[in-house]
Amino acid sequence: MKLNAEQVERLYTFTRQHYVEYYDLQTELVDHLANAIEEQWVENPKLSFEEALKIEFKKFGVFGFMEVVEKRQAALNKKYNKLVLNELKTFFSIPKIIGTLSATGIVFYLLKSFQEGILIMQTIFLFLVVLYFVGMTLLWKANKRRSQKSGRKWLFKEIIFGYSASAGLINLPLQFSIHLKAENYPDWVLAIYTLFMIVFVLTEYIVLVLIPSKAEKHLKETYPEYEFVK
């Protein structure tokens, strides 16, 4: 005995009623519930659909689908962070490393040669921090409009366009630079600070521009059905 279309739609409604807002997670849970209900019917054909659904839902415990959502979110956050890291690595391999090292050398020279170099870098970093959060807000709003139009939300899409686990780290070099004066530190300290600055600028570019520009590709790789139901 198989579930009909109306019963499958009831399962989607059921997951939404239990605070699963992302379509990909809803589909995952619907598949699981549908298979489990059909297995119950093999053993007990007289069991009603709603009774079988209640039995299966009880197996998720007192927190319902919350644990499933949290595990999936953790897995996709890990996947996102890996994407950021992989993109960052490309800037330290040929041919991009030439530009990265050139930028690092220029910044180090400014810090070392000019007393106002630190102040300039602090100002630039403050601007970049503000730009980062403004950019993330704009990406989030744009994704929200797209989700409202399609009627579906995808968890990995929310991660790409909504936030980044690295967001809180963006302003660390700025905090470090507040107390930094070129004449008080040896060259190796300034070199490390310069490298930090370049890495965080690259991270900001990757998070705000590079990965969102490749979002469709990443989403289709994560969800084979995305192209057909987005």
N, C-alpha and C. Protein backbone atom coordinates (compact mmCIF):
# COMPACT_ATOMS: atom_id res chain seq x y z
N MET A 1 0.85 -1.20 0.00
CA MET A 1 0.00 0.00 0.00
C MET A 1 0.88 1.25 0.00
N LYS A 2 0.62 2.16 -0.93
CA LYS A 2 1.44 3.36 -1.06
C LYS A 2 0.65 4.60 -0.68
N LEU A 3 1.37 5.64 -0.25
CA LEU A 3 0.72 6.90 0.06
C LEU A 3 0.27 7.58 -1.22
N ASN A 4 -0.88 8.23 -1.17
CA ASN A 4 -1.33 8.98 -2.33
C ASN A 4 -0.83 10.43 -2.24
N ALA A 5 -1.08 11.21 -3.27
CA ALA A 5 -0.57 12.59 -3.34
C ALA A 5 -1.10 13.45 -2.20
N GLU A 6 -2.35 13.23 -1.84
CA GLU A 6 -2.95 14.02 -0.74
C GLU A 6 -2.26 13.72 0.59
N GLN A 7 -1.93 12.45 0.81
CA GLN A 7 -1.25 12.06 2.05
C GLN A 7 0.18 12.59 2.09
N VAL A 8 0.85 12.59 0.95
CA VAL A 8 2.20 13.14 0.89
C VAL A 8 2.16 14.64 1.20
N GLU A 9 1.19 15.35 0.65
CA GLU A 9 1.05 16.77 0.94
C GLU A 9 0.73 17.00 2.41
N ARG A 10 -0.02 16.09 3.01
CA ARG A 10 -0.32 16.17 4.44
C ARG A 10 0.98 16.06 5.26
N LEU A 11 1.91 15.22 4.79
CA LEU A 11 3.19 15.08 5.49
C LEU A 11 3.99 16.38 5.41
N TYR A 12 3.96 17.04 4.25
CA TYR A 12 4.64 18.33 4.13
C TYR A 12 4.03 19.35 5.10
N THR A 13 2.71 19.37 5.16
CA THR A 13 2.02 20.27 6.09
C THR A 13 2.40 19.94 7.53
N PHE A 14 2.48 18.65 7.82
CA PHE A 14 2.82 18.19 9.17
C PHE A 14 4.21 18.68 9.59
N THR A 15 5.18 18.58 8.68
CA THR A 15 6.54 19.04 9.01
C THR A 15 6.56 20.55 9.24
N ARG A 16 5.81 21.28 8.44
CA ARG A 16 5.75 22.74 8.63
C ARG A 16 5.10 23.09 9.97
N GLN A 17 4.09 22.35 10.33
CA GLN A 17 3.42 22.59 11.61
C GLN A 17 4.33 22.31 12.78
N HIS A 18 5.33 21.50 12.56
CA HIS A 18 6.30 21.18 13.62
C HIS A 18 7.63 21.91 13.40
N TYR A 19 7.52 23.11 12.85
CA TYR A 19 8.61 24.09 12.80
C TYR A 19 9.79 23.69 11.91
N VAL A 20 9.53 22.94 10.87
CA VAL A 20 10.54 22.67 9.86
C VAL A 20 10.22 23.58 8.67
N GLU A 21 10.96 24.67 8.54
CA GLU A 21 10.62 25.69 7.54
C GLU A 21 11.34 25.52 6.21
N TYR A 22 12.37 24.69 6.17
CA TYR A 22 13.17 24.55 4.95
C TYR A 22 12.66 23.39 4.10
N TYR A 23 12.48 23.65 2.83
CA TYR A 23 11.90 22.67 1.91
C TYR A 23 12.76 21.41 1.81
N ASP A 24 14.08 21.56 1.80
CA ASP A 24 14.95 20.39 1.69
C ASP A 24 14.81 19.47 2.90
N LEU A 25 14.69 20.06 4.10
CA LEU A 25 14.51 19.24 5.29
C LEU A 25 13.11 18.64 5.33
N GLN A 26 12.12 19.41 4.87
CA GLN A 26 10.76 18.88 4.79
C GLN A 26 10.73 17.64 3.90
N THR A 27 11.38 17.73 2.74
CA THR A 27 11.39 16.62 1.79
C THR A 27 12.09 15.40 2.38
N GLU A 28 13.19 15.65 3.09
CA GLU A 28 13.93 14.56 3.73
C GLU A 28 13.06 13.84 4.74
N LEU A 29 12.35 14.62 5.56
CA LEU A 29 11.50 14.05 6.59
C LEU A 29 10.26 13.38 5.99
N VAL A 30 9.71 13.98 4.95
CA VAL A 30 8.54 13.39 4.29
C VAL A 30 8.90 12.01 3.71
N ASP A 31 10.05 11.91 3.08
CA ASP A 31 10.50 10.61 2.55
C ASP A 31 10.62 9.58 3.66
N HIS A 32 11.22 10.01 4.76
CA HIS A 32 11.39 9.09 5.90
C HIS A 32 10.04 8.66 6.46
N LEU A 33 9.16 9.62 6.69
CA LEU A 33 7.85 9.31 7.27
C LEU A 33 7.02 8.44 6.33
N ALA A 34 7.07 8.75 5.04
CA ALA A 34 6.30 7.98 4.06
C ALA A 34 6.75 6.52 4.04
N ASN A 35 8.05 6.31 4.00
CA ASN A 35 8.58 4.93 3.99
C ASN A 35 8.20 4.18 5.27
N ALA A 36 8.29 4.90 6.41
CA ALA A 36 7.98 4.27 7.69
C ALA A 36 6.49 3.91 7.79
N ILE A 37 5.63 4.79 7.30
CA ILE A 37 4.19 4.53 7.33
C ILE A 37 3.85 3.33 6.44
N GLU A 38 4.45 3.28 5.27
CA GLU A 38 4.20 2.16 4.35
C GLU A 38 4.67 0.84 4.95
N GLU A 39 5.78 0.88 5.71
CA GLU A 39 6.26 -0.33 6.38
C GLU A 39 5.28 -0.77 7.46
N GLN A 40 4.69 0.23 8.16
CA GLN A 40 3.70 -0.11 9.18
C GLN A 40 2.48 -0.76 8.56
N TRP A 41 2.09 -0.29 7.38
CA TRP A 41 0.91 -0.84 6.71
C TRP A 41 1.15 -2.28 6.25
N VAL A 42 2.39 -2.62 5.97
CA VAL A 42 2.70 -4.01 5.60
C VAL A 42 2.38 -4.94 6.77
N GLU A 43 2.71 -4.46 7.98
CA GLU A 43 2.47 -5.27 9.18
C GLU A 43 1.04 -5.16 9.67
N ASN A 44 0.43 -3.99 9.47
CA ASN A 44 -0.93 -3.76 9.96
C ASN A 44 -1.71 -2.93 8.95
N PRO A 45 -2.29 -3.54 7.94
CA PRO A 45 -3.01 -2.82 6.88
C PRO A 45 -4.21 -2.02 7.37
N LYS A 46 -4.75 -2.36 8.53
CA LYS A 46 -5.93 -1.68 9.05
C LYS A 46 -5.59 -0.35 9.73
N LEU A 47 -4.32 -0.09 9.95
CA LEU A 47 -3.90 1.13 10.62
C LEU A 47 -4.19 2.33 9.73
N SER A 48 -4.80 3.36 10.30
CA SER A 48 -5.11 4.55 9.50
C SER A 48 -3.84 5.37 9.27
N PHE A 49 -3.91 6.24 8.29
CA PHE A 49 -2.75 7.09 7.97
C PHE A 49 -2.35 7.95 9.17
N GLU A 50 -3.32 8.60 9.79
CA GLU A 50 -3.02 9.50 10.91
C GLU A 50 -2.47 8.74 12.11
N GLU A 51 -2.98 7.56 12.35
CA GLU A 51 -2.47 6.73 13.46
C GLU A 51 -1.02 6.34 13.20
N ALA A 52 -0.74 5.93 11.97
CA ALA A 52 0.62 5.54 11.61
C ALA A 52 1.57 6.73 11.72
N LEU A 53 1.08 7.90 11.33
CA LEU A 53 1.91 9.11 11.42
C LEU A 53 2.23 9.44 12.87
N LYS A 54 1.25 9.34 13.75
CA LYS A 54 1.48 9.62 15.17
C LYS A 54 2.50 8.65 15.77
N ILE A 55 2.38 7.39 15.40
CA ILE A 55 3.32 6.37 15.91
C ILE A 55 4.75 6.71 15.48
N GLU A 56 4.89 7.08 14.21
CA GLU A 56 6.22 7.36 13.68
C GLU A 56 6.80 8.64 14.27
N PHE A 57 5.96 9.65 14.45
CA PHE A 57 6.44 10.93 15.00
C PHE A 57 6.92 10.76 16.44
N LYS A 58 6.28 9.90 17.19
CA LYS A 58 6.68 9.67 18.59
C LYS A 58 8.11 9.16 18.70
N LYS A 59 8.58 8.50 17.63
CA LYS A 59 9.95 7.97 17.64
C LYS A 59 11.00 9.07 17.63
N PHE A 60 10.61 10.29 17.28
CA PHE A 60 11.56 11.41 17.26
C PHE A 60 11.75 12.01 18.64
N GLY A 61 10.98 11.55 19.64
CA GLY A 61 11.16 12.03 21.00
C GLY A 61 10.43 13.32 21.29
N VAL A 62 10.67 13.86 22.48
CA VAL A 62 9.93 15.03 22.96
C VAL A 62 10.25 16.29 22.16
N PHE A 63 11.44 16.35 21.55
CA PHE A 63 11.82 17.53 20.79
C PHE A 63 11.44 17.45 19.31
N GLY A 64 10.76 16.39 18.94
CA GLY A 64 10.28 16.27 17.57
C GLY A 64 11.40 16.29 16.55
N PHE A 65 11.23 17.14 15.56
CA PHE A 65 12.20 17.20 14.45
C PHE A 65 13.39 18.11 14.74
N MET A 66 13.42 18.70 15.93
CA MET A 66 14.45 19.70 16.24
C MET A 66 15.86 19.14 16.08
N GLU A 67 16.09 17.93 16.56
CA GLU A 67 17.43 17.33 16.48
C GLU A 67 17.84 17.10 15.03
N VAL A 68 16.91 16.68 14.19
CA VAL A 68 17.20 16.47 12.78
C VAL A 68 17.61 17.79 12.12
N VAL A 69 16.87 18.85 12.43
CA VAL A 69 17.16 20.18 11.87
C VAL A 69 18.54 20.65 12.32
N GLU A 70 18.84 20.49 13.60
CA GLU A 70 20.13 20.96 14.13
C GLU A 70 21.29 20.20 13.51
N LYS A 71 21.14 18.89 13.35
CA LYS A 71 22.22 18.09 12.75
C LYS A 71 22.45 18.48 11.30
N ARG A 72 21.37 18.70 10.57
CA ARG A 72 21.49 19.08 9.17
C ARG A 72 22.11 20.46 9.04
N GLN A 73 21.72 21.36 9.94
CA GLN A 73 22.27 22.71 9.91
C GLN A 73 23.77 22.69 10.21
N ALA A 74 24.17 21.88 11.18
CA ALA A 74 25.59 21.75 11.51
C ALA A 74 26.38 21.20 10.33
N ALA A 75 25.81 20.20 9.66
CA ALA A 75 26.48 19.60 8.51
C ALA A 75 26.65 20.59 7.37
N LEU A 76 25.60 21.39 7.10
CA LEU A 76 25.68 22.36 6.01
C LEU A 76 26.55 23.56 6.37
N ASN A 77 26.59 23.93 7.64
CA ASN A 77 27.53 24.97 8.07
C ASN A 77 28.97 24.52 7.84
N LYS A 78 29.23 23.26 8.15
CA LYS A 78 30.55 22.68 7.93
C LYS A 78 30.88 22.68 6.44
N LYS A 79 29.92 22.34 5.63
CA LYS A 79 30.10 22.34 4.17
C LYS A 79 30.39 23.75 3.67
N TYR A 80 29.68 24.73 4.20
CA TYR A 80 29.88 26.12 3.80
C TYR A 80 31.28 26.60 4.19
N ASN A 81 31.68 26.32 5.41
CA ASN A 81 33.01 26.73 5.87
C ASN A 81 34.11 26.10 5.01
N LYS A 82 33.87 24.86 4.58
CA LYS A 82 34.84 24.19 3.71
C LYS A 82 34.91 24.89 2.35
N LEU A 83 33.76 25.35 1.85
CA LEU A 83 33.75 26.10 0.59
C LEU A 83 34.58 27.38 0.71
N VAL A 84 34.38 28.09 1.82
CA VAL A 84 35.13 29.34 2.06
C VAL A 84 36.63 29.03 2.10
N LEU A 85 37.00 27.99 2.85
CA LEU A 85 38.41 27.63 2.98
C LEU A 85 39.02 27.24 1.64
N ASN A 86 38.28 26.46 0.86
CA ASN A 86 38.79 26.03 -0.45
C ASN A 86 39.00 27.23 -1.38
N GLU A 87 38.06 28.17 -1.35
CA GLU A 87 38.20 29.37 -2.17
C GLU A 87 39.39 30.20 -1.70
N LEU A 88 39.58 30.27 -0.38
CA LEU A 88 40.69 31.04 0.18
C LEU A 88 42.03 30.43 -0.24
N LYS A 89 42.09 29.11 -0.27
CA LYS A 89 43.33 28.42 -0.65
C LYS A 89 43.76 28.78 -2.07
N THR A 90 42.80 29.05 -2.94
CA THR A 90 43.16 29.35 -4.33
C THR A 90 43.95 30.65 -4.44
N PHE A 91 43.78 31.54 -3.45
CA PHE A 91 44.51 32.80 -3.47
C PHE A 91 45.96 32.63 -3.00
N PHE A 92 46.28 31.43 -2.51
CA PHE A 92 47.65 31.14 -2.07
C PHE A 92 48.28 30.04 -2.93
N SER A 93 47.75 29.90 -4.13
CA SER A 93 48.32 28.97 -5.10
C SER A 93 48.46 29.69 -6.44
N ILE A 94 49.30 29.18 -7.27
CA ILE A 94 49.56 29.81 -8.58
C ILE A 94 48.29 29.73 -9.44
N PRO A 95 47.91 30.82 -10.15
CA PRO A 95 48.66 32.08 -10.30
C PRO A 95 48.24 33.19 -9.33
N LYS A 96 47.15 32.95 -8.54
CA LYS A 96 46.61 34.02 -7.70
C LYS A 96 47.56 34.45 -6.60
N ILE A 97 48.48 33.56 -6.21
CA ILE A 97 49.38 33.89 -5.11
C ILE A 97 50.26 35.10 -5.43
N ILE A 98 50.50 35.34 -6.72
CA ILE A 98 51.31 36.50 -7.12
C ILE A 98 50.63 37.79 -6.69
N GLY A 99 49.32 37.89 -6.93
CA GLY A 99 48.58 39.07 -6.51
C GLY A 99 48.47 39.17 -5.01
N THR A 100 48.28 38.02 -4.34
CA THR A 100 48.17 38.01 -2.88
C THR A 100 49.46 38.49 -2.22
N LEU A 101 50.60 37.99 -2.70
CA LEU A 101 51.89 38.40 -2.14
C LEU A 101 52.18 39.86 -2.44
N SER A 102 51.79 40.32 -3.62
CA SER A 102 52.00 41.73 -3.98
C SER A 102 51.21 42.64 -3.04
N ALA A 103 49.95 42.28 -2.80
CA ALA A 103 49.12 43.08 -1.90
C ALA A 103 49.68 43.06 -0.48
N THR A 104 50.17 41.90 -0.05
CA THR A 104 50.76 41.79 1.28
C THR A 104 52.00 42.68 1.40
N GLY A 105 52.83 42.67 0.37
CA GLY A 105 54.05 43.50 0.38
C GLY A 105 53.73 44.98 0.42
N ILE A 106 52.73 45.40 -0.31
CA ILE A 106 52.35 46.82 -0.33
C ILE A 106 51.84 47.27 1.03
N VAL A 107 50.97 46.47 1.63
CA VAL A 107 50.42 46.82 2.94
C VAL A 107 51.52 46.86 3.99
N PHE A 108 52.41 45.88 3.96
CA PHE A 108 53.52 45.85 4.93
C PHE A 108 54.39 47.10 4.77
N TYR A 109 54.66 47.48 3.54
CA TYR A 109 55.47 48.68 3.28
C TYR A 109 54.81 49.92 3.86
N LEU A 110 53.49 50.04 3.69
CA LEU A 110 52.78 51.20 4.22
C LEU A 110 52.83 51.24 5.74
N LEU A 111 52.65 50.08 6.35
CA LEU A 111 52.69 50.01 7.81
C LEU A 111 54.08 50.35 8.35
N LYS A 112 55.10 49.88 7.66
CA LYS A 112 56.47 50.05 8.12
C LYS A 112 57.02 51.44 7.85
N SER A 113 56.62 52.04 6.76
CA SER A 113 57.25 53.27 6.29
C SER A 113 56.59 54.55 6.76
N PHE A 114 55.31 54.48 7.10
CA PHE A 114 54.59 55.71 7.43
C PHE A 114 53.97 55.62 8.81
N GLN A 115 54.17 56.67 9.60
CA GLN A 115 53.61 56.69 10.94
C GLN A 115 52.08 56.61 10.90
N GLU A 116 51.48 57.22 9.88
CA GLU A 116 50.02 57.21 9.78
C GLU A 116 49.50 55.94 9.10
N GLY A 117 50.41 55.03 8.75
CA GLY A 117 50.01 53.80 8.07
C GLY A 117 49.01 52.99 8.88
N ILE A 118 49.29 52.87 10.20
CA ILE A 118 48.39 52.11 11.06
C ILE A 118 47.01 52.74 11.09
N LEU A 119 46.96 54.08 11.21
CA LEU A 119 45.68 54.78 11.24
C LEU A 119 44.91 54.55 9.94
N ILE A 120 45.61 54.58 8.83
CA ILE A 120 44.96 54.33 7.53
C ILE A 120 44.38 52.93 7.48
N MET A 121 45.18 51.96 7.95
CA MET A 121 44.71 50.58 7.93
C MET A 121 43.52 50.38 8.86
N GLN A 122 43.55 51.05 10.02
CA GLN A 122 42.42 50.96 10.94
C GLN A 122 41.15 51.51 10.29
N THR A 123 41.30 52.63 9.60
CA THR A 123 40.14 53.25 8.92
C THR A 123 39.60 52.33 7.84
N ILE A 124 40.52 51.74 7.07
CA ILE A 124 40.10 50.82 6.01
C ILE A 124 39.38 49.61 6.59
N PHE A 125 39.94 49.09 7.68
CA PHE A 125 39.31 47.92 8.29
C PHE A 125 37.93 48.24 8.84
N LEU A 126 37.80 49.40 9.46
CA LEU A 126 36.49 49.80 9.97
C LEU A 126 35.48 49.88 8.83
N PHE A 127 35.91 50.43 7.71
CA PHE A 127 35.05 50.52 6.53
C PHE A 127 34.68 49.12 6.04
N LEU A 128 35.66 48.20 6.02
CA LEU A 128 35.40 46.84 5.53
C LEU A 128 34.44 46.08 6.44
N VAL A 129 34.56 46.31 7.76
CA VAL A 129 33.65 45.66 8.70
C VAL A 129 32.22 46.13 8.46
N VAL A 130 32.06 47.45 8.31
CA VAL A 130 30.73 48.01 8.03
C VAL A 130 30.22 47.47 6.70
N LEU A 131 31.09 47.45 5.69
CA LEU A 131 30.71 46.95 4.38
C LEU A 131 30.27 45.50 4.44
N TYR A 132 30.98 44.72 5.25
CA TYR A 132 30.66 43.30 5.38
C TYR A 132 29.22 43.12 5.86
N PHE A 133 28.88 43.79 6.95
CA PHE A 133 27.55 43.59 7.53
C PHE A 133 26.45 44.21 6.67
N VAL A 134 26.75 45.31 6.00
CA VAL A 134 25.79 45.88 5.06
C VAL A 134 25.57 44.90 3.91
N GLY A 135 26.66 44.35 3.40
CA GLY A 135 26.58 43.40 2.31
C GLY A 135 25.79 42.16 2.69
N MET A 136 26.03 41.62 3.89
CA MET A 136 25.31 40.43 4.33
C MET A 136 23.82 40.73 4.49
N THR A 137 23.51 41.94 4.96
CA THR A 137 22.10 42.34 5.11
C THR A 137 21.41 42.40 3.75
N LEU A 138 22.09 42.97 2.77
CA LEU A 138 21.51 43.07 1.42
C LEU A 138 21.32 41.69 0.80
N LEU A 139 22.30 40.80 0.99
CA LEU A 139 22.17 39.44 0.48
C LEU A 139 21.00 38.72 1.14
N TRP A 140 20.84 38.90 2.44
CA TRP A 140 19.77 38.25 3.19
C TRP A 140 18.40 38.74 2.70
N LYS A 141 18.29 40.04 2.49
CA LYS A 141 17.01 40.60 2.03
C LYS A 141 16.67 40.13 0.63
N ALA A 142 17.69 40.07 -0.24
CA ALA A 142 17.46 39.61 -1.61
C ALA A 142 17.02 38.15 -1.62
N ASN A 143 17.64 37.33 -0.77
CA ASN A 143 17.26 35.92 -0.70
C ASN A 143 15.86 35.76 -0.11
N LYS A 144 15.52 36.61 0.85
CA LYS A 144 14.19 36.56 1.45
C LYS A 144 13.11 36.84 0.41
N ARG A 145 13.37 37.82 -0.46
CA ARG A 145 12.41 38.14 -1.53
C ARG A 145 12.25 36.96 -2.48
N ARG A 146 13.38 36.32 -2.83
CA ARG A 146 13.31 35.17 -3.72
C ARG A 146 12.55 34.01 -3.09
N SER A 147 12.76 33.81 -1.79
CA SER A 147 12.08 32.71 -1.08
C SER A 147 10.58 32.97 -1.02
N GLN A 148 10.19 34.23 -0.77
CA GLN A 148 8.78 34.57 -0.71
C GLN A 148 8.11 34.38 -2.07
N LYS A 149 8.85 34.67 -3.13
CA LYS A 149 8.32 34.53 -4.49
C LYS A 149 8.12 33.07 -4.85
N SER A 150 9.09 32.23 -4.49
CA SER A 150 9.00 30.81 -4.83
C SER A 150 8.17 30.02 -3.83
N GLY A 151 8.04 30.55 -2.60
CA GLY A 151 7.29 29.84 -1.57
C GLY A 151 8.09 28.74 -0.89
N ARG A 152 9.38 28.66 -1.20
CA ARG A 152 10.23 27.62 -0.62
C ARG A 152 11.53 28.21 -0.07
N LYS A 153 11.96 27.66 1.05
CA LYS A 153 13.24 28.06 1.63
C LYS A 153 14.14 26.84 1.67
N TRP A 154 15.41 27.07 1.29
CA TRP A 154 16.41 26.01 1.30
C TRP A 154 17.46 26.36 2.34
N LEU A 155 17.79 25.41 3.20
CA LEU A 155 18.70 25.69 4.31
C LEU A 155 20.08 26.15 3.82
N PHE A 156 20.65 25.46 2.85
CA PHE A 156 21.98 25.83 2.39
C PHE A 156 21.97 27.19 1.69
N LYS A 157 20.86 27.50 1.04
CA LYS A 157 20.72 28.80 0.39
C LYS A 157 20.68 29.91 1.45
N GLU A 158 20.00 29.64 2.56
CA GLU A 158 19.96 30.60 3.65
C GLU A 158 21.35 30.84 4.22
N ILE A 159 22.14 29.78 4.30
CA ILE A 159 23.50 29.91 4.83
C ILE A 159 24.36 30.75 3.88
N ILE A 160 24.25 30.48 2.59
CA ILE A 160 25.05 31.21 1.60
C ILE A 160 24.69 32.68 1.57
N PHE A 161 23.40 32.99 1.60
CA PHE A 161 22.96 34.37 1.44
C PHE A 161 22.61 35.06 2.76
N GLY A 162 22.63 34.30 3.85
CA GLY A 162 22.16 34.88 5.09
C GLY A 162 23.20 35.20 6.12
N TYR A 163 24.16 34.35 6.27
CA TYR A 163 25.17 34.56 7.31
C TYR A 163 26.36 33.68 7.05
N SER A 164 27.42 33.93 7.82
CA SER A 164 28.61 33.12 7.71
C SER A 164 29.16 32.85 9.09
N ALA A 165 29.64 31.63 9.32
CA ALA A 165 30.24 31.31 10.61
C ALA A 165 31.49 32.14 10.86
N SER A 166 32.05 32.71 9.80
CA SER A 166 33.25 33.52 9.94
C SER A 166 32.95 34.99 10.20
N ALA A 167 31.66 35.35 10.29
CA ALA A 167 31.30 36.76 10.40
C ALA A 167 31.91 37.42 11.63
N GLY A 168 31.88 36.70 12.76
CA GLY A 168 32.40 37.29 13.98
C GLY A 168 33.90 37.48 13.98
N LEU A 169 34.60 36.84 13.04
CA LEU A 169 36.06 36.94 12.99
C LEU A 169 36.54 38.12 12.14
N ILE A 170 35.63 38.69 11.35
CA ILE A 170 36.03 39.71 10.40
C ILE A 170 36.68 40.91 11.07
N ASN A 171 36.22 41.26 12.26
CA ASN A 171 36.74 42.47 12.88
C ASN A 171 37.90 42.22 13.84
N LEU A 172 38.41 40.99 13.92
CA LEU A 172 39.52 40.72 14.84
C LEU A 172 40.77 41.52 14.51
N PRO A 173 41.19 41.59 13.24
CA PRO A 173 42.37 42.40 12.94
C PRO A 173 42.18 43.87 13.30
N LEU A 174 40.95 44.36 13.16
CA LEU A 174 40.67 45.74 13.55
C LEU A 174 40.87 45.92 15.04
N GLN A 175 40.37 44.98 15.85
CA GLN A 175 40.54 45.08 17.29
C GLN A 175 42.02 45.03 17.67
N PHE A 176 42.77 44.19 16.96
CA PHE A 176 44.21 44.09 17.23
C PHE A 176 44.93 45.39 16.86
N SER A 177 44.49 45.99 15.76
CA SER A 177 45.19 47.17 15.25
C SER A 177 44.96 48.42 16.08
N ILE A 178 43.89 48.42 16.87
CA ILE A 178 43.58 49.61 17.67
C ILE A 178 44.75 49.99 18.57
N HIS A 179 45.45 48.98 19.09
CA HIS A 179 46.56 49.23 20.02
C HIS A 179 47.92 49.07 19.35
N LEU A 180 47.92 48.99 18.04
CA LEU A 180 49.16 48.73 17.31
C LEU A 180 49.80 50.03 16.82
N LYS A 181 51.07 50.18 17.09
CA LYS A 181 51.86 51.29 16.57
C LYS A 181 53.12 50.71 15.94
N ALA A 182 53.40 51.14 14.74
CA ALA A 182 54.49 50.53 13.96
C ALA A 182 55.82 50.55 14.69
N GLU A 183 56.12 51.65 15.39
CA GLU A 183 57.45 51.76 16.00
C GLU A 183 57.61 50.88 17.22
N ASN A 184 56.54 50.31 17.73
CA ASN A 184 56.62 49.49 18.94
C ASN A 184 56.72 48.00 18.66
N TYR A 185 56.67 47.61 17.41
CA TYR A 185 56.63 46.20 17.08
C TYR A 185 57.69 45.85 16.05
N PRO A 186 58.28 44.66 16.18
CA PRO A 186 59.27 44.22 15.17
C PRO A 186 58.59 43.89 13.86
N ASP A 187 59.41 43.72 12.85
CA ASP A 187 58.87 43.48 11.51
C ASP A 187 57.99 42.23 11.44
N TRP A 188 58.35 41.17 12.18
CA TRP A 188 57.59 39.94 12.07
C TRP A 188 56.16 40.10 12.59
N VAL A 189 55.98 40.96 13.60
CA VAL A 189 54.62 41.22 14.11
C VAL A 189 53.80 41.97 13.07
N LEU A 190 54.42 43.00 12.45
CA LEU A 190 53.74 43.73 11.40
C LEU A 190 53.42 42.83 10.20
N ALA A 191 54.34 41.90 9.93
CA ALA A 191 54.13 40.97 8.81
C ALA A 191 52.92 40.06 9.08
N ILE A 192 52.82 39.57 10.33
CA ILE A 192 51.68 38.71 10.70
C ILE A 192 50.38 39.50 10.61
N TYR A 193 50.41 40.74 11.13
CA TYR A 193 49.22 41.58 11.07
C TYR A 193 48.81 41.83 9.62
N THR A 194 49.80 42.10 8.78
CA THR A 194 49.53 42.34 7.36
C THR A 194 48.88 41.12 6.72
N LEU A 195 49.41 39.94 7.04
CA LEU A 195 48.84 38.71 6.48
C LEU A 195 47.41 38.50 6.96
N PHE A 196 47.15 38.78 8.25
CA PHE A 196 45.80 38.70 8.78
C PHE A 196 44.86 39.61 7.99
N MET A 197 45.33 40.82 7.74
CA MET A 197 44.50 41.78 7.03
C MET A 197 44.13 41.26 5.64
N ILE A 198 45.12 40.76 4.93
CA ILE A 198 44.88 40.25 3.58
C ILE A 198 43.92 39.07 3.61
N VAL A 199 44.12 38.16 4.57
CA VAL A 199 43.26 36.98 4.67
C VAL A 199 41.81 37.39 4.93
N PHE A 200 41.61 38.37 5.82
CA PHE A 200 40.25 38.76 6.15
C PHE A 200 39.58 39.55 5.03
N VAL A 201 40.36 40.32 4.31
CA VAL A 201 39.81 41.00 3.13
C VAL A 201 39.39 39.98 2.08
N LEU A 202 40.22 38.97 1.87
CA LEU A 202 39.89 37.91 0.92
C LEU A 202 38.66 37.12 1.38
N THR A 203 38.58 36.87 2.68
CA THR A 203 37.43 36.15 3.22
C THR A 203 36.15 36.94 3.00
N GLU A 204 36.23 38.24 3.21
CA GLU A 204 35.06 39.09 2.99
C GLU A 204 34.62 39.03 1.53
N TYR A 205 35.58 39.08 0.62
CA TYR A 205 35.27 39.01 -0.80
C TYR A 205 34.64 37.66 -1.15
N ILE A 206 35.18 36.59 -0.58
CA ILE A 206 34.67 35.25 -0.85
C ILE A 206 33.22 35.10 -0.35
N VAL A 207 32.98 35.59 0.86
CA VAL A 207 31.66 35.44 1.48
C VAL A 207 30.60 36.32 0.81
N LEU A 208 30.98 37.54 0.48
CA LEU A 208 30.01 38.49 -0.07
C LEU A 208 29.83 38.39 -1.58
N VAL A 209 30.86 37.98 -2.29
CA VAL A 209 30.82 38.03 -3.76
C VAL A 209 30.99 36.66 -4.40
N LEU A 210 32.10 36.01 -4.08
CA LEU A 210 32.49 34.81 -4.83
C LEU A 210 31.51 33.66 -4.66
N ILE A 211 31.24 33.27 -3.41
CA ILE A 211 30.34 32.13 -3.19
C ILE A 211 28.90 32.45 -3.61
N PRO A 212 28.35 33.64 -3.28
CA PRO A 212 27.01 33.94 -3.79
C PRO A 212 26.92 33.91 -5.31
N SER A 213 28.00 34.30 -6.00
CA SER A 213 27.97 34.27 -7.47
C SER A 213 27.94 32.85 -8.00
N LYS A 214 28.35 31.88 -7.18
CA LYS A 214 28.34 30.47 -7.58
C LYS A 214 27.24 29.70 -6.85
N ALA A 215 26.28 30.43 -6.29
CA ALA A 215 25.26 29.79 -5.45
C ALA A 215 24.47 28.73 -6.19
N GLU A 216 24.06 29.03 -7.42
CA GLU A 216 23.26 28.06 -8.18
C GLU A 216 24.01 26.74 -8.34
N LYS A 217 25.28 26.83 -8.64
CA LYS A 217 26.11 25.63 -8.81
C LYS A 217 26.17 24.82 -7.51
N HIS A 218 26.44 25.50 -6.39
CA HIS A 218 26.55 24.81 -5.10
C HIS A 218 25.21 24.21 -4.68
N LEU A 219 24.12 24.91 -4.96
CA LEU A 219 22.80 24.42 -4.56
C LEU A 219 22.40 23.19 -5.38
N LYS A 220 22.71 23.20 -6.66
CA LYS A 220 22.39 22.05 -7.51
C LYS A 220 23.22 20.83 -7.11
N GLU A 221 24.45 21.07 -6.66
CA GLU A 221 25.29 19.97 -6.20
C GLU A 221 24.77 19.40 -4.89
N THR A 222 24.24 20.27 -4.03
CA THR A 222 23.73 19.84 -2.73
C THR A 222 22.35 19.21 -2.84
N TYR A 223 21.51 19.81 -3.70
CA TYR A 223 20.14 19.32 -3.89
C TYR A 223 19.91 19.01 -5.37
N PRO A 224 19.96 17.76 -5.77
CA PRO A 224 19.74 17.41 -7.20
C PRO A 224 18.39 17.90 -7.71
N GLU A 225 17.40 18.01 -6.81
CA GLU A 225 16.05 18.42 -7.22
C GLU A 225 15.89 19.94 -7.29
N TYR A 226 16.92 20.69 -6.86
CA TYR A 226 16.79 22.15 -6.75
C TYR A 226 16.41 22.80 -8.07
N GLU A 227 17.01 22.37 -9.17
CA GLU A 227 16.79 22.98 -10.48
C GLU A 227 15.33 22.89 -10.91
N PHE A 228 14.61 21.89 -10.41
CA PHE A 228 13.25 21.65 -10.87
C PHE A 228 12.19 22.27 -9.96
N VAL A 229 12.54 22.53 -8.70
CA VAL A 229 11.51 23.01 -7.76
C VAL A 229 11.85 24.34 -7.11
N LYS A 230 12.96 24.98 -7.50
CA LYS A 230 13.38 26.22 -6.85
C LYS A 230 12.36 27.33 -7.00
